[in-house]
Amino acid sequence: DQEQDDELDRMRSALKGMSDTYTPAATSDAKAMAASLAKLSGKPFDRMFWENSIKHHQMAIEMIDRYLPKLTNPDVKTMAQRMRAAQLQEIDKMKKELGSA
């Protein structure tokens, strides 16, 4: 969605200002989630999609919770807090969708 695209752009901009380099890559968990969808279709696909999406968002929240106390850049810290709140809201929406899948 557009909000997440905007967040990614802000994250990339923040990373450009730092001395360390970072190359985004899919985690083994993300690859496993994608693979779990490959052979499914219909309602089983929908259900697995929502379950994987919820898990993915929960992993993002766990990462934010782990690193938020260490953040020193106020803009990045604010962005992380906004992202955490957005992830929680999206999880609630996805759980409702999962209930109807």
PDB file of N, CA and C in Angstrom:
ATOM      1  N   ASP A   1       0.827  -1.174   0.000  1.00  0.00           N
ATOM      2  CA  ASP A   1       0.000   0.000   0.000  1.00  0.00           C
ATOM      3  C   ASP A   1       0.880   1.249   0.000  1.00  0.00           C
ATOM      4  N   GLN A   2       0.299   2.370  -0.295  1.00  0.00           N
ATOM      5  CA  GLN A   2       1.065   3.604  -0.467  1.00  0.00           C
ATOM      6  C   GLN A   2       1.767   4.035   0.819  1.00  0.00           C
ATOM      7  N   GLU A   3       1.112   3.841   1.949  1.00  0.00           N
ATOM      8  CA  GLU A   3       1.719   4.217   3.225  1.00  0.00           C
ATOM      9  C   GLU A   3       3.011   3.440   3.474  1.00  0.00           C
ATOM     10  N   GLN A   4       2.997   2.144   3.197  1.00  0.00           N
ATOM     11  CA  GLN A   4       4.201   1.335   3.379  1.00  0.00           C
ATOM     12  C   GLN A   4       5.282   1.714   2.373  1.00  0.00           C
ATOM     13  N   ASP A   5       4.875   2.038   1.141  1.00  0.00           N
ATOM     14  CA  ASP A   5       5.851   2.487   0.144  1.00  0.00           C
ATOM     15  C   ASP A   5       6.524   3.771   0.609  1.00  0.00           C
ATOM     16  N   ASP A   6       5.732   4.682   1.172  1.00  0.00           N
ATOM     17  CA  ASP A   6       6.288   5.939   1.688  1.00  0.00           C
ATOM     18  C   ASP A   6       7.253   5.676   2.844  1.00  0.00           C
ATOM     19  N   GLU A   7       6.892   4.728   3.718  1.00  0.00           N
ATOM     20  CA  GLU A   7       7.773   4.380   4.838  1.00  0.00           C
ATOM     21  C   GLU A   7       9.092   3.816   4.326  1.00  0.00           C
ATOM     22  N   LEU A   8       9.023   2.955   3.332  1.00  0.00           N
ATOM     23  CA  LEU A   8      10.245   2.395   2.761  1.00  0.00           C
ATOM     24  C   LEU A   8      11.129   3.491   2.173  1.00  0.00           C
ATOM     25  N   ASP A   9      10.523   4.454   1.496  1.00  0.00           N
ATOM     26  CA  ASP A   9      11.293   5.574   0.944  1.00  0.00           C
ATOM     27  C   ASP A   9      11.968   6.370   2.054  1.00  0.00           C
ATOM     28  N   ARG A  10      11.237   6.605   3.158  1.00  0.00           N
ATOM     29  CA  ARG A  10      11.826   7.340   4.287  1.00  0.00           C
ATOM     30  C   ARG A  10      12.962   6.538   4.907  1.00  0.00           C
ATOM     31  N   MET A  11      12.789   5.227   4.992  1.00  0.00           N
ATOM     32  CA  MET A  11      13.849   4.385   5.558  1.00  0.00           C
ATOM     33  C   MET A  11      15.091   4.415   4.671  1.00  0.00           C
ATOM     34  N   ARG A  12      14.890   4.322   3.376  1.00  0.00           N
ATOM     35  CA  ARG A  12      16.036   4.368   2.458  1.00  0.00           C
ATOM     36  C   ARG A  12      16.768   5.701   2.568  1.00  0.00           C
ATOM     37  N   SER A  13      16.011   6.791   2.677  1.00  0.00           N
ATOM     38  CA  SER A  13      16.626   8.109   2.815  1.00  0.00           C
ATOM     39  C   SER A  13      17.430   8.206   4.102  1.00  0.00           C
ATOM     40  N   ALA A  14      16.878   7.669   5.189  1.00  0.00           N
ATOM     41  CA  ALA A  14      17.590   7.700   6.467  1.00  0.00           C
ATOM     42  C   ALA A  14      18.869   6.878   6.384  1.00  0.00           C
ATOM     43  N   LEU A  15      18.801   5.736   5.716  1.00  0.00           N
ATOM     44  CA  LEU A  15      19.978   4.874   5.585  1.00  0.00           C
ATOM     45  C   LEU A  15      21.076   5.533   4.761  1.00  0.00           C
ATOM     46  N   LYS A  16      20.693   6.339   3.759  1.00  0.00           N
ATOM     47  CA  LYS A  16      21.692   7.012   2.932  1.00  0.00           C
ATOM     48  C   LYS A  16      22.537   7.965   3.762  1.00  0.00           C
ATOM     49  N   GLY A  17      21.947   8.519   4.813  1.00  0.00           N
ATOM     50  CA  GLY A  17      22.666   9.466   5.653  1.00  0.00           C
ATOM     51  C   GLY A  17      23.575   8.821   6.677  1.00  0.00           C
ATOM     52  N   MET A  18      23.559   7.506   6.755  1.00  0.00           N
ATOM     53  CA  MET A  18      24.381   6.794   7.726  1.00  0.00           C
ATOM     54  C   MET A  18      25.589   6.200   7.014  1.00  0.00           C
ATOM     55  N   SER A  19      26.634   5.950   7.760  1.00  0.00           N
ATOM     56  CA  SER A  19      27.874   5.471   7.150  1.00  0.00           C
ATOM     57  C   SER A  19      27.827   3.995   6.778  1.00  0.00           C
ATOM     58  N   ASP A  20      27.028   3.194   7.480  1.00  0.00           N
ATOM     59  CA  ASP A  20      26.957   1.762   7.198  1.00  0.00           C
ATOM     60  C   ASP A  20      26.151   1.512   5.926  1.00  0.00           C
ATOM     61  N   THR A  21      26.488   0.461   5.235  1.00  0.00           N
ATOM     62  CA  THR A  21      25.712   0.087   4.059  1.00  0.00           C
ATOM     63  C   THR A  21      24.745  -1.018   4.453  1.00  0.00           C
ATOM     64  N   TYR A  22      23.639  -1.063   3.771  1.00  0.00           N
ATOM     65  CA  TYR A  22      22.622  -2.075   4.044  1.00  0.00           C
ATOM     66  C   TYR A  22      22.026  -2.516   2.723  1.00  0.00           C
ATOM     67  N   THR A  23      21.957  -3.800   2.529  1.00  0.00           N
ATOM     68  CA  THR A  23      21.339  -4.354   1.340  1.00  0.00           C
ATOM     69  C   THR A  23      20.152  -5.198   1.775  1.00  0.00           C
ATOM     70  N   PRO A  24      18.935  -4.732   1.472  1.00  0.00           N
ATOM     71  CA  PRO A  24      17.762  -5.510   1.864  1.00  0.00           C
ATOM     72  C   PRO A  24      17.775  -6.889   1.207  1.00  0.00           C
ATOM     73  N   ALA A  25      17.320  -7.874   1.943  1.00  0.00           N
ATOM     74  CA  ALA A  25      17.233  -9.234   1.416  1.00  0.00           C
ATOM     75  C   ALA A  25      16.092  -9.955   2.115  1.00  0.00           C
ATOM     76  N   ALA A  26      15.483 -10.877   1.409  1.00  0.00           N
ATOM     77  CA  ALA A  26      14.395 -11.655   1.995  1.00  0.00           C
ATOM     78  C   ALA A  26      14.972 -12.624   3.025  1.00  0.00           C
ATOM     79  N   THR A  27      14.342 -12.676   4.180  1.00  0.00           N
ATOM     80  CA  THR A  27      14.772 -13.613   5.219  1.00  0.00           C
ATOM     81  C   THR A  27      14.312 -15.017   4.860  1.00  0.00           C
ATOM     82  N   SER A  28      14.876 -15.985   5.537  1.00  0.00           N
ATOM     83  CA  SER A  28      14.454 -17.370   5.290  1.00  0.00           C
ATOM     84  C   SER A  28      12.987 -17.555   5.669  1.00  0.00           C
ATOM     85  N   ASP A  29      12.529 -16.845   6.702  1.00  0.00           N
ATOM     86  CA  ASP A  29      11.109 -16.915   7.071  1.00  0.00           C
ATOM     87  C   ASP A  29      10.229 -16.376   5.954  1.00  0.00           C
ATOM     88  N   ALA A  30      10.634 -15.248   5.361  1.00  0.00           N
ATOM     89  CA  ALA A  30       9.851 -14.654   4.276  1.00  0.00           C
ATOM     90  C   ALA A  30       9.827 -15.581   3.069  1.00  0.00           C
ATOM     91  N   LYS A  31      10.949 -16.195   2.778  1.00  0.00           N
ATOM     92  CA  LYS A  31      11.001 -17.141   1.653  1.00  0.00           C
ATOM     93  C   LYS A  31      10.104 -18.342   1.920  1.00  0.00           C
ATOM     94  N   ALA A  32      10.111 -18.830   3.152  1.00  0.00           N
ATOM     95  CA  ALA A  32       9.266 -19.973   3.502  1.00  0.00           C
ATOM     96  C   ALA A  32       7.788 -19.608   3.399  1.00  0.00           C
ATOM     97  N   MET A  33       7.443 -18.386   3.807  1.00  0.00           N
ATOM     98  CA  MET A  33       6.057 -17.946   3.698  1.00  0.00           C
ATOM     99  C   MET A  33       5.623 -17.893   2.238  1.00  0.00           C
ATOM    100  N   ALA A  34       6.465 -17.350   1.392  1.00  0.00           N
ATOM    101  CA  ALA A  34       6.139 -17.279  -0.035  1.00  0.00           C
ATOM    102  C   ALA A  34       6.009 -18.680  -0.628  1.00  0.00           C
ATOM    103  N   ALA A  35       6.901 -19.563  -0.245  1.00  0.00           N
ATOM    104  CA  ALA A  35       6.858 -20.935  -0.766  1.00  0.00           C
ATOM    105  C   ALA A  35       5.588 -21.652  -0.327  1.00  0.00           C
ATOM    106  N   SER A  36       5.095 -21.344   0.873  1.00  0.00           N
ATOM    107  CA  SER A  36       3.893 -22.005   1.373  1.00  0.00           C
ATOM    108  C   SER A  36       2.665 -21.652   0.545  1.00  0.00           C
ATOM    109  N   LEU A  37       2.729 -20.542  -0.176  1.00  0.00           N
ATOM    110  CA  LEU A  37       1.600 -20.126  -1.008  1.00  0.00           C
ATOM    111  C   LEU A  37       1.657 -20.707  -2.418  1.00  0.00           C
ATOM    112  N   ALA A  38       2.817 -21.122  -2.853  1.00  0.00           N
ATOM    113  CA  ALA A  38       3.042 -21.483  -4.253  1.00  0.00           C
ATOM    114  C   ALA A  38       2.098 -22.553  -4.782  1.00  0.00           C
ATOM    115  N   LYS A  39       1.770 -23.534  -3.975  1.00  0.00           N
ATOM    116  CA  LYS A  39       0.970 -24.662  -4.463  1.00  0.00           C
ATOM    117  C   LYS A  39      -0.511 -24.545  -4.099  1.00  0.00           C
ATOM    118  N   LEU A  40      -0.892 -23.426  -3.489  1.00  0.00           N
ATOM    119  CA  LEU A  40      -2.274 -23.275  -3.039  1.00  0.00           C
ATOM    120  C   LEU A  40      -3.069 -22.394  -3.988  1.00  0.00           C
ATOM    121  N   SER A  41      -4.389 -22.520  -3.898  1.00  0.00           N
ATOM    122  CA  SER A  41      -5.292 -21.623  -4.609  1.00  0.00           C
ATOM    123  C   SER A  41      -6.619 -21.601  -3.858  1.00  0.00           C
ATOM    124  N   GLY A  42      -7.477 -20.687  -4.231  1.00  0.00           N
ATOM    125  CA  GLY A  42      -8.798 -20.600  -3.626  1.00  0.00           C
ATOM    126  C   GLY A  42      -8.750 -20.254  -2.145  1.00  0.00           C
ATOM    127  N   LYS A  43      -9.690 -20.811  -1.389  1.00  0.00           N
ATOM    128  CA  LYS A  43      -9.790 -20.506   0.043  1.00  0.00           C
ATOM    129  C   LYS A  43      -8.537 -20.901   0.828  1.00  0.00           C
ATOM    130  N   PRO A  44      -7.916 -22.050   0.537  1.00  0.00           N
ATOM    131  CA  PRO A  44      -6.677 -22.379   1.256  1.00  0.00           C
ATOM    132  C   PRO A  44      -5.584 -21.324   1.025  1.00  0.00           C
ATOM    133  N   PHE A  45      -5.512 -20.800  -0.212  1.00  0.00           N
ATOM    134  CA  PHE A  45      -4.545 -19.741  -0.500  1.00  0.00           C
ATOM    135  C   PHE A  45      -4.864 -18.503   0.325  1.00  0.00           C
ATOM    136  N   ASP A  46      -6.143 -18.093   0.314  1.00  0.00           N
ATOM    137  CA  ASP A  46      -6.550 -16.906   1.063  1.00  0.00           C
ATOM    138  C   ASP A  46      -6.190 -17.038   2.537  1.00  0.00           C
ATOM    139  N   ARG A  47      -6.519 -18.183   3.104  1.00  0.00           N
ATOM    140  CA  ARG A  47      -6.257 -18.405   4.535  1.00  0.00           C
ATOM    141  C   ARG A  47      -4.756 -18.337   4.837  1.00  0.00           C
ATOM    142  N   MET A  48      -3.946 -19.035   4.024  1.00  0.00           N
ATOM    143  CA  MET A  48      -2.505 -19.033   4.240  1.00  0.00           C
ATOM    144  C   MET A  48      -1.925 -17.630   4.026  1.00  0.00           C
ATOM    145  N   PHE A  49      -2.455 -16.897   3.056  1.00  0.00           N
ATOM    146  CA  PHE A  49      -1.999 -15.530   2.815  1.00  0.00           C
ATOM    147  C   PHE A  49      -2.199 -14.675   4.066  1.00  0.00           C
ATOM    148  N   TRP A  50      -3.398 -14.726   4.638  1.00  0.00           N
ATOM    149  CA  TRP A  50      -3.670 -13.923   5.836  1.00  0.00           C
ATOM    150  C   TRP A  50      -2.808 -14.381   7.007  1.00  0.00           C
ATOM    151  N   GLU A  51      -2.668 -15.686   7.190  1.00  0.00           N
ATOM    152  CA  GLU A  51      -1.839 -16.197   8.289  1.00  0.00           C
ATOM    153  C   GLU A  51      -0.387 -15.739   8.123  1.00  0.00           C
ATOM    154  N   ASN A  52       0.136 -15.834   6.904  1.00  0.00           N
ATOM    155  CA  ASN A  52       1.512 -15.399   6.652  1.00  0.00           C
ATOM    156  C   ASN A  52       1.672 -13.898   6.834  1.00  0.00           C
ATOM    157  N   SER A  53       0.695 -13.145   6.383  1.00  0.00           N
ATOM    158  CA  SER A  53       0.768 -11.688   6.511  1.00  0.00           C
ATOM    159  C   SER A  53       0.756 -11.262   7.982  1.00  0.00           C
ATOM    160  N   ILE A  54      -0.075 -11.919   8.767  1.00  0.00           N
ATOM    161  CA  ILE A  54      -0.114 -11.619  10.203  1.00  0.00           C
ATOM    162  C   ILE A  54       1.241 -11.951  10.832  1.00  0.00           C
ATOM    163  N   LYS A  55       1.777 -13.111  10.505  1.00  0.00           N
ATOM    164  CA  LYS A  55       3.075 -13.504  11.054  1.00  0.00           C
ATOM    165  C   LYS A  55       4.162 -12.509  10.641  1.00  0.00           C
ATOM    166  N   HIS A  56       4.153 -12.088   9.390  1.00  0.00           N
ATOM    167  CA  HIS A  56       5.138 -11.129   8.885  1.00  0.00           C
ATOM    168  C   HIS A  56       5.057  -9.803   9.662  1.00  0.00           C
ATOM    169  N   HIS A  57       3.843  -9.333   9.888  1.00  0.00           N
ATOM    170  CA  HIS A  57       3.664  -8.090  10.640  1.00  0.00           C
ATOM    171  C   HIS A  57       4.096  -8.258  12.099  1.00  0.00           C
ATOM    172  N   GLN A  58       3.808  -9.418  12.684  1.00  0.00           N
ATOM    173  CA  GLN A  58       4.229  -9.668  14.059  1.00  0.00           C
ATOM    174  C   GLN A  58       5.752  -9.680  14.169  1.00  0.00           C
ATOM    175  N   MET A  59       6.421 -10.223  13.156  1.00  0.00           N
ATOM    176  CA  MET A  59       7.884 -10.225  13.153  1.00  0.00           C
ATOM    177  C   MET A  59       8.419  -8.790  13.071  1.00  0.00           C
ATOM    178  N   ALA A  60       7.749  -7.946  12.300  1.00  0.00           N
ATOM    179  CA  ALA A  60       8.163  -6.545  12.203  1.00  0.00           C
ATOM    180  C   ALA A  60       8.023  -5.847  13.561  1.00  0.00           C
ATOM    181  N   ILE A  61       6.936  -6.114  14.250  1.00  0.00           N
ATOM    182  CA  ILE A  61       6.726  -5.515  15.575  1.00  0.00           C
ATOM    183  C   ILE A  61       7.796  -5.988  16.549  1.00  0.00           C
ATOM    184  N   GLU A  62       8.115  -7.278  16.503  1.00  0.00           N
ATOM    185  CA  GLU A  62       9.168  -7.811  17.380  1.00  0.00           C
ATOM    186  C   GLU A  62      10.509  -7.133  17.104  1.00  0.00           C
ATOM    187  N   MET A  63      10.805  -6.901  15.827  1.00  0.00           N
ATOM    188  CA  MET A  63      12.058  -6.242  15.481  1.00  0.00           C
ATOM    189  C   MET A  63      12.064  -4.797  15.987  1.00  0.00           C
ATOM    190  N   ILE A  64      10.963  -4.099  15.798  1.00  0.00           N
ATOM    191  CA  ILE A  64      10.874  -2.721  16.289  1.00  0.00           C
ATOM    192  C   ILE A  64      11.035  -2.706  17.799  1.00  0.00           C
ATOM    193  N   ASP A  65      10.347  -3.597  18.498  1.00  0.00           N
ATOM    194  CA  ASP A  65      10.438  -3.638  19.957  1.00  0.00           C
ATOM    195  C   ASP A  65      11.870  -3.920  20.425  1.00  0.00           C
ATOM    196  N   ARG A  66      12.584  -4.750  19.671  1.00  0.00           N
ATOM    197  CA  ARG A  66      13.957  -5.098  20.032  1.00  0.00           C
ATOM    198  C   ARG A  66      14.905  -3.911  19.850  1.00  0.00           C
ATOM    199  N   TYR A  67      14.720  -3.163  18.777  1.00  0.00           N
ATOM    200  CA  TYR A  67      15.694  -2.123  18.434  1.00  0.00           C
ATOM    201  C   TYR A  67      15.264  -0.701  18.780  1.00  0.00           C
ATOM    202  N   LEU A  68      14.002  -0.466  19.040  1.00  0.00           N
ATOM    203  CA  LEU A  68      13.531   0.888  19.339  1.00  0.00           C
ATOM    204  C   LEU A  68      14.298   1.535  20.492  1.00  0.00           C
ATOM    205  N   PRO A  69      14.563   0.821  21.586  1.00  0.00           N
ATOM    206  CA  PRO A  69      15.306   1.456  22.688  1.00  0.00           C
ATOM    207  C   PRO A  69      16.719   1.900  22.303  1.00  0.00           C
ATOM    208  N   LYS A  70      17.284   1.321  21.243  1.00  0.00           N
ATOM    209  CA  LYS A  70      18.649   1.656  20.841  1.00  0.00           C
ATOM    210  C   LYS A  70      18.715   2.794  19.820  1.00  0.00           C
ATOM    211  N   LEU A  71      17.573   3.163  19.257  1.00  0.00           N
ATOM    212  CA  LEU A  71      17.574   4.205  18.234  1.00  0.00           C
ATOM    213  C   LEU A  71      17.927   5.561  18.839  1.00  0.00           C
ATOM    214  N   THR A  72      18.789   6.283  18.154  1.00  0.00           N
ATOM    215  CA  THR A  72      19.191   7.611  18.633  1.00  0.00           C
ATOM    216  C   THR A  72      18.706   8.721  17.711  1.00  0.00           C
ATOM    217  N   ASN A  73      18.474   8.420  16.439  1.00  0.00           N
ATOM    218  CA  ASN A  73      17.986   9.420  15.499  1.00  0.00           C
ATOM    219  C   ASN A  73      16.497   9.634  15.770  1.00  0.00           C
ATOM    220  N   PRO A  74      16.096  10.861  16.168  1.00  0.00           N
ATOM    221  CA  PRO A  74      14.691  11.090  16.526  1.00  0.00           C
ATOM    222  C   PRO A  74      13.725  10.848  15.363  1.00  0.00           C
ATOM    223  N   ASP A  75      14.149  11.143  14.129  1.00  0.00           N
ATOM    224  CA  ASP A  75      13.268  10.916  12.989  1.00  0.00           C
ATOM    225  C   ASP A  75      13.035   9.421  12.766  1.00  0.00           C
ATOM    226  N   VAL A  76      14.091   8.636  12.901  1.00  0.00           N
ATOM    227  CA  VAL A  76      13.972   7.187  12.717  1.00  0.00           C
ATOM    228  C   VAL A  76      13.149   6.593  13.860  1.00  0.00           C
ATOM    229  N   LYS A  77      13.362   7.093  15.061  1.00  0.00           N
ATOM    230  CA  LYS A  77      12.610   6.591  16.217  1.00  0.00           C
ATOM    231  C   LYS A  77      11.114   6.872  16.049  1.00  0.00           C
ATOM    232  N   THR A  78      10.779   8.078  15.609  1.00  0.00           N
ATOM    233  CA  THR A  78       9.377   8.433  15.377  1.00  0.00           C
ATOM    234  C   THR A  78       8.777   7.563  14.283  1.00  0.00           C
ATOM    235  N   MET A  79       9.539   7.358  13.218  1.00  0.00           N
ATOM    236  CA  MET A  79       9.059   6.520  12.129  1.00  0.00           C
ATOM    237  C   MET A  79       8.813   5.088  12.623  1.00  0.00           C
ATOM    238  N   ALA A  80       9.707   4.548  13.426  1.00  0.00           N
ATOM    239  CA  ALA A  80       9.550   3.194  13.954  1.00  0.00           C
ATOM    240  C   ALA A  80       8.300   3.099  14.826  1.00  0.00           C
ATOM    241  N   GLN A  81       8.050   4.120  15.628  1.00  0.00           N
ATOM    242  CA  GLN A  81       6.858   4.115  16.472  1.00  0.00           C
ATOM    243  C   GLN A  81       5.586   4.154  15.620  1.00  0.00           C
ATOM    244  N   ARG A  82       5.601   4.962  14.556  1.00  0.00           N
ATOM    245  CA  ARG A  82       4.445   5.021  13.650  1.00  0.00           C
ATOM    246  C   ARG A  82       4.255   3.686  12.936  1.00  0.00           C
ATOM    247  N   MET A  83       5.361   3.085  12.520  1.00  0.00           N
ATOM    248  CA  MET A  83       5.283   1.801  11.829  1.00  0.00           C
ATOM    249  C   MET A  83       4.713   0.727  12.752  1.00  0.00           C
ATOM    250  N   ARG A  84       5.126   0.735  14.010  1.00  0.00           N
ATOM    251  CA  ARG A  84       4.631  -0.253  14.970  1.00  0.00           C
ATOM    252  C   ARG A  84       3.117  -0.134  15.122  1.00  0.00           C
ATOM    253  N   ALA A  85       2.647   1.109  15.281  1.00  0.00           N
ATOM    254  CA  ALA A  85       1.213   1.328  15.438  1.00  0.00           C
ATOM    255  C   ALA A  85       0.452   0.891  14.184  1.00  0.00           C
ATOM    256  N   ALA A  86       0.997   1.187  13.022  1.00  0.00           N
ATOM    257  CA  ALA A  86       0.351   0.802  11.764  1.00  0.00           C
ATOM    258  C   ALA A  86       0.312  -0.718  11.613  1.00  0.00           C
ATOM    259  N   GLN A  87       1.386  -1.399  12.000  1.00  0.00           N
ATOM    260  CA  GLN A  87       1.434  -2.855  11.901  1.00  0.00           C
ATOM    261  C   GLN A  87       0.366  -3.483  12.801  1.00  0.00           C
ATOM    262  N   LEU A  88       0.200  -2.938  14.007  1.00  0.00           N
ATOM    263  CA  LEU A  88      -0.827  -3.452  14.919  1.00  0.00           C
ATOM    264  C   LEU A  88      -2.220  -3.277  14.332  1.00  0.00           C
ATOM    265  N   GLN A  89      -2.469  -2.110  13.727  1.00  0.00           N
ATOM    266  CA  GLN A  89      -3.778  -1.869  13.107  1.00  0.00           C
ATOM    267  C   GLN A  89      -4.012  -2.834  11.951  1.00  0.00           C
ATOM    268  N   GLU A  90      -2.985  -3.056  11.155  1.00  0.00           N
ATOM    269  CA  GLU A  90      -3.128  -3.961  10.019  1.00  0.00           C
ATOM    270  C   GLU A  90      -3.347  -5.401  10.478  1.00  0.00           C
ATOM    271  N   ILE A  91      -2.706  -5.799  11.565  1.00  0.00           N
ATOM    272  CA  ILE A  91      -2.924  -7.150  12.098  1.00  0.00           C
ATOM    273  C   ILE A  91      -4.384  -7.320  12.492  1.00  0.00           C
ATOM    274  N   ASP A  92      -4.951  -6.307  13.146  1.00  0.00           N
ATOM    275  CA  ASP A  92      -6.364  -6.388  13.528  1.00  0.00           C
ATOM    276  C   ASP A  92      -7.253  -6.566  12.296  1.00  0.00           C
ATOM    277  N   LYS A  93      -6.981  -5.795  11.247  1.00  0.00           N
ATOM    278  CA  LYS A  93      -7.769  -5.904  10.015  1.00  0.00           C
ATOM    279  C   LYS A  93      -7.605  -7.289   9.390  1.00  0.00           C
ATOM    280  N   MET A  94      -6.372  -7.784   9.373  1.00  0.00           N
ATOM    281  CA  MET A  94      -6.130  -9.088   8.754  1.00  0.00           C
ATOM    282  C   MET A  94      -6.772 -10.212   9.536  1.00  0.00           C
ATOM    283  N   LYS A  95      -6.792 -10.103  10.857  1.00  0.00           N
ATOM    284  CA  LYS A  95      -7.463 -11.133  11.666  1.00  0.00           C
ATOM    285  C   LYS A  95      -8.951 -11.180  11.343  1.00  0.00           C
ATOM    286  N   LYS A  96      -9.549 -10.014  11.093  1.00  0.00           N
ATOM    287  CA  LYS A  96     -10.959  -9.991  10.682  1.00  0.00           C
ATOM    288  C   LYS A  96     -11.123 -10.664   9.339  1.00  0.00           C
ATOM    289  N   GLU A  97     -10.231 -10.368   8.404  1.00  0.00           N
ATOM    290  CA  GLU A  97     -10.291 -11.009   7.088  1.00  0.00           C
ATOM    291  C   GLU A  97     -10.090 -12.516   7.213  1.00  0.00           C
ATOM    292  N   LEU A  98      -9.168 -12.914   8.057  1.00  0.00           N
ATOM    293  CA  LEU A  98      -8.890 -14.336   8.261  1.00  0.00           C
ATOM    294  C   LEU A  98     -10.138 -15.044   8.782  1.00  0.00           C
ATOM    295  N   GLY A  99     -10.870 -14.358   9.644  1.00  0.00           N
ATOM    296  CA  GLY A  99     -12.099 -14.935  10.172  1.00  0.00           C
ATOM    297  C   GLY A  99     -13.153 -15.169   9.107  1.00  0.00           C
ATOM    298  N   SER A 100     -13.077 -14.398   8.013  1.00  0.00           N
ATOM    299  CA  SER A 100     -14.049 -14.574   6.947  1.00  0.00           C
ATOM    300  C   SER A 100     -13.503 -15.372   5.767  1.00  0.00           C
ATOM    301  N   ALA A 101     -12.224 -15.766   5.844  1.00  0.00           N
ATOM    302  CA  ALA A 101     -11.610 -16.504   4.725  1.00  0.00           C
ATOM    303  C   ALA A 101     -11.983 -17.967   4.755  1.00  0.00           C
TER     304      ALA A 101
END
